[in-house]
């Protein structure tokens, strides 16, 4: 039996901290100085990102099936940053050592940002989030970063790009650039929806990777479990898209079975 912990985090920008950095650089953001698009003096980098929402899902492989568990979310405004981290870290500590974390690009974003947030609050960083001995081989330290794994030596792509290639619902609630505005406006239900959708999308990619590698787990069963989980959350904007995915998966599987029957491959 194999388990995987798929997670995602959404962040607000620490504008006060970034202003302190600008002061240290003797940079006046109102001075009209021309800067490049990725200049850290005008664009706050990862050290100024503060977690406001964490979502996670355990995927469990057994008896020929890769099955999703309960989709959990810890978020503002119900919890402050320290309470949110505590809830997530407590859950991590309950997992056996052989359960890896799974993310899309998390080794370069979520993981170091969560470590930094924990240090700001004087909290012990869970072993699963500790600084890796081999950052370039993070999967060997208990974190499967699917961006690194699936892209390999090819150019890194966005989660929405690879999900589109696999026909997996992604970024249904809002585009990534809208998250900051939703957080600023206190649209927390939408922020939670974005984070949860990313977890479901990442879990679907994990299903493709695991089922392709093992060949003993049902990809259709894994994807249907995730599609139904998303469709059941009627209070979220992504529910209709996942219900549409359920219908598509059923239609595709029915067609496949019919073609196998015509070809004499069906086993009834």
Protein backbone atom coordinates (compact mmCIF):
# COMPACT_ATOMS: atom_id res chain seq x y z
CA UNK A 1 0.00 0.00 0.00
CA UNK A 2 1.42 3.38 -1.06
CA UNK A 3 0.30 6.80 0.13
CA UNK A 4 1.02 10.27 -1.24
CA UNK A 5 0.32 13.67 0.32
CA UNK A 6 -0.57 16.18 -2.42
CA UNK A 7 -0.53 19.82 -1.29
CA UNK A 8 -0.67 23.41 -2.49
CA UNK A 9 -0.35 26.84 -0.87
CA UNK A 10 -1.60 30.32 -1.76
CA UNK A 11 0.24 33.44 -0.58
CA UNK A 12 -0.18 37.12 0.15
CA UNK A 13 2.69 39.56 -0.40
CA UNK A 14 4.45 41.05 2.62
CA UNK A 15 4.43 44.60 1.33
CA UNK A 16 5.86 46.01 4.56
CA UNK A 17 8.85 43.68 4.41
CA UNK A 18 9.39 44.42 0.74
CA UNK A 19 9.35 48.16 1.49
CA UNK A 20 12.13 47.59 4.03
CA UNK A 21 14.14 45.84 1.32
CA UNK A 22 13.59 48.76 -1.05
CA UNK A 23 14.87 51.12 1.64
CA UNK A 24 17.97 48.94 2.11
CA UNK A 25 18.59 49.17 -1.64
CA UNK A 26 18.08 52.98 -1.54
CA UNK A 27 15.32 52.51 -4.09
CA UNK A 28 12.40 54.89 -4.36
CA UNK A 29 9.46 53.09 -6.10
CA UNK A 30 7.94 56.50 -6.91
CA UNK A 31 11.14 57.94 -8.36
CA UNK A 32 10.52 56.93 -11.94
CA UNK A 33 13.68 54.84 -12.26
CA UNK A 34 13.46 52.40 -15.15
CA UNK A 35 13.78 48.78 -14.03
CA UNK A 36 13.62 45.39 -15.72
CA UNK A 37 10.44 43.33 -15.40
CA UNK A 38 11.91 40.87 -12.88
CA UNK A 39 13.77 43.44 -10.77
CA UNK A 40 13.36 42.32 -7.11
CA UNK A 41 13.13 45.98 -6.07
CA UNK A 42 9.79 46.28 -7.87
CA UNK A 43 8.64 42.66 -7.83
CA UNK A 44 8.61 40.98 -4.42
CA UNK A 45 10.27 37.57 -4.57
CA UNK A 46 9.47 34.41 -2.63
CA UNK A 47 10.92 35.59 0.70
CA UNK A 48 8.10 38.15 0.90
CA UNK A 49 5.30 35.62 0.38
CA UNK A 50 3.17 34.74 3.39
CA UNK A 51 0.91 31.65 3.35
CA UNK A 52 -2.82 32.41 3.64
CA UNK A 53 -4.28 29.08 2.48
CA UNK A 54 -3.03 25.48 2.50
CA UNK A 55 -4.91 22.57 0.93
CA UNK A 56 -3.95 18.91 0.92
CA UNK A 57 -5.19 15.46 -0.08
CA UNK A 58 -3.93 11.96 0.65
CA UNK A 59 -3.89 9.54 -2.29
CA UNK A 60 -3.71 5.86 -1.35
CA UNK A 61 -2.82 3.01 -3.67
CA UNK A 62 -4.04 -0.48 -2.78
CA UNK A 63 -5.90 -3.43 -4.35
CA UNK A 64 -5.51 -2.09 -7.87
CA UNK A 65 -6.86 1.36 -7.06
CA UNK A 66 -5.35 4.78 -6.36
CA UNK A 67 -8.00 6.40 -4.21
CA UNK A 68 -8.31 10.02 -3.01
CA UNK A 69 -9.06 10.66 0.64
CA UNK A 70 -10.59 13.75 2.16
CA UNK A 71 -9.68 17.14 0.69
CA UNK A 72 -8.62 19.41 3.57
CA UNK A 73 -8.06 23.16 3.69
CA UNK A 74 -6.62 25.42 6.40
CA UNK A 75 -7.06 29.07 5.55
CA UNK A 76 -7.62 32.62 6.59
CA UNK A 77 -9.83 34.18 7.88
CA UNK A 78 -10.70 31.25 10.18
CA UNK A 79 -7.03 30.71 11.06
CA UNK A 80 -4.09 33.07 11.31
CA UNK A 81 -0.75 32.14 9.77
CA UNK A 82 0.63 30.39 12.85
CA UNK A 83 -2.58 28.38 13.39
CA UNK A 84 -2.66 27.39 9.73
CA UNK A 85 0.94 26.17 9.83
CA UNK A 86 0.32 24.31 13.07
CA UNK A 87 -2.62 22.40 11.61
CA UNK A 88 -0.67 21.45 8.50
CA UNK A 89 2.48 20.51 10.42
CA UNK A 90 0.56 18.38 12.94
CA UNK A 91 -0.96 16.46 10.05
CA UNK A 92 2.48 15.97 8.44
CA UNK A 93 3.87 14.53 11.65
CA UNK A 94 1.15 11.85 11.72
CA UNK A 95 2.24 10.46 8.35
CA UNK A 96 4.64 7.52 8.13
CA UNK A 97 8.16 8.37 6.97
CA UNK A 98 7.63 6.66 3.62
CA UNK A 99 4.72 8.92 2.58
CA UNK A 100 6.13 11.53 0.17
CA UNK A 101 4.90 15.07 -0.34
CA UNK A 102 3.68 15.77 -3.88
CA UNK A 103 3.45 19.20 -5.52
CA UNK A 104 3.73 21.05 -8.81
CA UNK A 105 6.81 23.24 -8.51
CA UNK A 106 6.68 23.10 -4.71
CA UNK A 107 10.37 22.42 -4.20
CA UNK A 108 11.14 25.91 -5.54
CA UNK A 109 8.20 27.73 -3.95
CA UNK A 110 5.91 26.14 -1.37
CA UNK A 111 8.57 24.19 0.48
CA UNK A 112 11.07 27.02 1.14
CA UNK A 113 8.26 29.51 1.80
CA UNK A 114 6.67 27.24 4.42
CA UNK A 115 10.07 26.76 6.07
CA UNK A 116 10.58 30.51 6.19
CA UNK A 117 7.10 31.06 7.64
CA UNK A 118 7.76 28.46 10.34
CA UNK A 119 11.04 30.14 11.27
CA UNK A 120 9.32 33.53 11.57
CA UNK A 121 7.00 32.03 14.17
CA UNK A 122 9.72 30.04 15.94
CA UNK A 123 8.03 26.77 14.97
CA UNK A 124 9.87 23.50 14.45
CA UNK A 125 9.95 22.56 10.77
CA UNK A 126 8.61 19.03 10.19
CA UNK A 127 11.13 16.51 8.89
CA UNK A 128 9.27 16.27 5.58
CA UNK A 129 9.89 20.00 5.02
CA UNK A 130 13.44 20.15 6.32
CA UNK A 131 16.20 21.52 4.11
CA UNK A 132 17.09 18.76 1.62
CA UNK A 133 20.58 17.33 1.50
CA UNK A 134 20.29 17.13 -2.29
CA UNK A 135 18.05 19.94 -3.52
CA UNK A 136 18.33 18.85 -7.15
CA UNK A 137 17.20 15.34 -6.19
CA UNK A 138 14.39 16.37 -3.87
CA UNK A 139 12.33 13.25 -4.58
CA UNK A 140 15.05 11.28 -2.82
CA UNK A 141 14.37 13.30 0.33
CA UNK A 142 10.62 12.66 0.46
CA UNK A 143 9.19 15.29 -1.92
CA UNK A 144 7.99 14.44 -5.42
CA UNK A 145 7.95 17.69 -7.35
CA UNK A 146 5.96 16.70 -10.43
CA UNK A 147 7.19 19.75 -12.35
CA UNK A 148 10.76 18.48 -12.08
CA UNK A 149 9.73 14.86 -12.56
CA UNK A 150 7.49 15.30 -15.60
CA UNK A 151 9.41 18.08 -17.36
CA UNK A 152 12.82 16.48 -16.78
CA UNK A 153 15.31 18.39 -18.97
CA UNK A 154 12.56 20.09 -21.01
CA UNK A 155 11.39 23.63 -20.34
CA UNK A 156 9.35 24.01 -17.16
CA UNK A 157 5.64 24.55 -17.85
CA UNK A 158 2.74 25.90 -15.82
CA UNK A 159 0.30 23.59 -14.06
CA UNK A 160 -2.51 24.80 -16.33
CA UNK A 161 -0.43 23.98 -19.43
CA UNK A 162 0.23 20.35 -18.62
CA UNK A 163 -3.30 19.86 -17.29
CA UNK A 164 -4.68 21.15 -20.59
CA UNK A 165 -2.51 18.59 -22.40
CA UNK A 166 -4.02 15.84 -20.22
CA UNK A 167 -7.57 17.33 -20.35
CA UNK A 168 -7.60 17.83 -16.57
CA UNK A 169 -9.66 20.74 -15.16
CA UNK A 170 -7.27 23.42 -13.85
CA UNK A 171 -7.43 27.05 -12.75
CA UNK A 172 -11.23 26.95 -13.09
CA UNK A 173 -11.98 29.58 -10.44
CA UNK A 174 -9.61 32.32 -11.60
CA UNK A 175 -6.28 32.82 -13.38
CA UNK A 176 -3.13 32.84 -11.20
CA UNK A 177 -2.63 36.60 -11.53
CA UNK A 178 -6.05 37.20 -9.90
CA UNK A 179 -5.14 35.52 -6.60
CA UNK A 180 -3.47 38.58 -5.07
CA UNK A 181 -6.49 40.74 -5.77
CA UNK A 182 -8.90 38.17 -4.32
CA UNK A 183 -6.79 37.98 -1.15
CA UNK A 184 -6.68 41.78 -0.87
CA UNK A 185 -10.47 41.91 -1.23
CA UNK A 186 -11.00 39.18 1.35
CA UNK A 187 -12.64 36.77 -1.13
CA UNK A 188 -11.53 33.80 0.93
CA UNK A 189 -14.00 31.29 -0.48
CA UNK A 190 -12.53 31.88 -3.95
CA UNK A 191 -8.97 31.65 -2.62
CA UNK A 192 -9.80 28.28 -1.03
CA UNK A 193 -11.37 27.14 -4.29
CA UNK A 194 -8.21 28.04 -6.23
CA UNK A 195 -5.98 26.18 -3.80
CA UNK A 196 -8.19 23.07 -3.74
CA UNK A 197 -8.46 22.99 -7.54
CA UNK A 198 -4.65 23.03 -7.76
CA UNK A 199 -4.47 20.07 -5.38
CA UNK A 200 -7.02 18.08 -7.38
CA UNK A 201 -5.22 18.89 -10.64
CA UNK A 202 -1.84 17.92 -9.21
CA UNK A 203 -3.30 14.69 -7.81
CA UNK A 204 -4.60 13.81 -11.28
CA UNK A 205 -1.12 14.29 -12.73
CA UNK A 206 0.25 12.09 -9.95
CA UNK A 207 -2.29 9.42 -10.96
CA UNK A 208 -0.98 9.48 -14.52
CA UNK A 209 2.62 9.13 -13.32
CA UNK A 210 1.98 6.38 -10.75
CA UNK A 211 -0.41 4.33 -12.88
CA UNK A 212 1.91 4.55 -15.88
CA UNK A 213 4.85 3.37 -13.83
CA UNK A 214 3.21 0.55 -11.85
CA UNK A 215 0.74 -0.71 -14.50
CA UNK A 216 -1.18 -2.43 -11.68
CA UNK A 217 -3.38 0.51 -10.67
CA UNK A 218 -6.44 1.67 -12.59
CA UNK A 219 -5.91 5.12 -14.11
CA UNK A 220 -9.60 5.38 -14.92
CA UNK A 221 -10.51 4.59 -11.31
CA UNK A 222 -8.05 7.13 -9.93
CA UNK A 223 -9.19 9.93 -12.26
CA UNK A 224 -12.87 9.14 -11.65
CA UNK A 225 -12.30 9.30 -7.90
CA UNK A 226 -10.75 12.76 -8.21
CA UNK A 227 -13.36 13.97 -10.71
CA UNK A 228 -16.20 12.89 -8.43
CA UNK A 229 -14.52 14.42 -5.40
CA UNK A 230 -14.36 17.77 -7.18
CA UNK A 231 -17.90 17.46 -8.55
CA UNK A 232 -19.31 16.73 -5.08
CA UNK A 233 -18.08 20.04 -3.69
CA UNK A 234 -21.09 21.97 -4.98
CA UNK A 235 -20.17 25.06 -2.95
CA UNK A 236 -17.03 25.54 -5.04
CA UNK A 237 -16.89 27.19 -8.50
CA UNK A 238 -14.89 24.27 -9.88
CA UNK A 239 -17.66 21.70 -9.21
CA UNK A 240 -19.33 22.01 -12.63
CA UNK A 241 -16.02 21.60 -14.47
CA UNK A 242 -15.29 18.44 -12.53
CA UNK A 243 -18.79 17.10 -13.19
CA UNK A 244 -18.11 17.66 -16.87
CA UNK A 245 -14.87 15.72 -16.44
CA UNK A 246 -16.81 12.84 -14.83
CA UNK A 247 -19.06 12.70 -17.89
CA UNK A 248 -16.09 12.82 -20.26
CA UNK A 249 -14.26 10.02 -18.44
CA UNK A 250 -17.35 7.80 -18.49
CA UNK A 251 -17.87 8.43 -22.19
CA UNK A 252 -14.23 7.68 -22.98
CA UNK A 253 -14.20 4.50 -20.91
CA UNK A 254 -17.45 3.32 -22.47
CA UNK A 255 -15.99 3.89 -25.92
CA UNK A 256 -12.83 2.02 -25.00
CA UNK A 257 -14.77 -0.97 -23.67
CA UNK A 258 -16.94 -1.01 -26.78
CA UNK A 259 -13.88 -0.98 -29.04
CA UNK A 260 -12.29 -3.78 -27.00
CA UNK A 261 -15.47 -5.81 -27.33
CA UNK A 262 -15.50 -5.38 -31.11
CA UNK A 263 -11.84 -6.35 -31.25
CA UNK A 264 -12.48 -9.43 -29.11
CA UNK A 265 -10.30 -8.10 -26.31
CA UNK A 266 -13.02 -7.62 -23.70
CA UNK A 267 -12.92 -9.87 -20.67
CA UNK A 268 -16.45 -10.37 -19.31
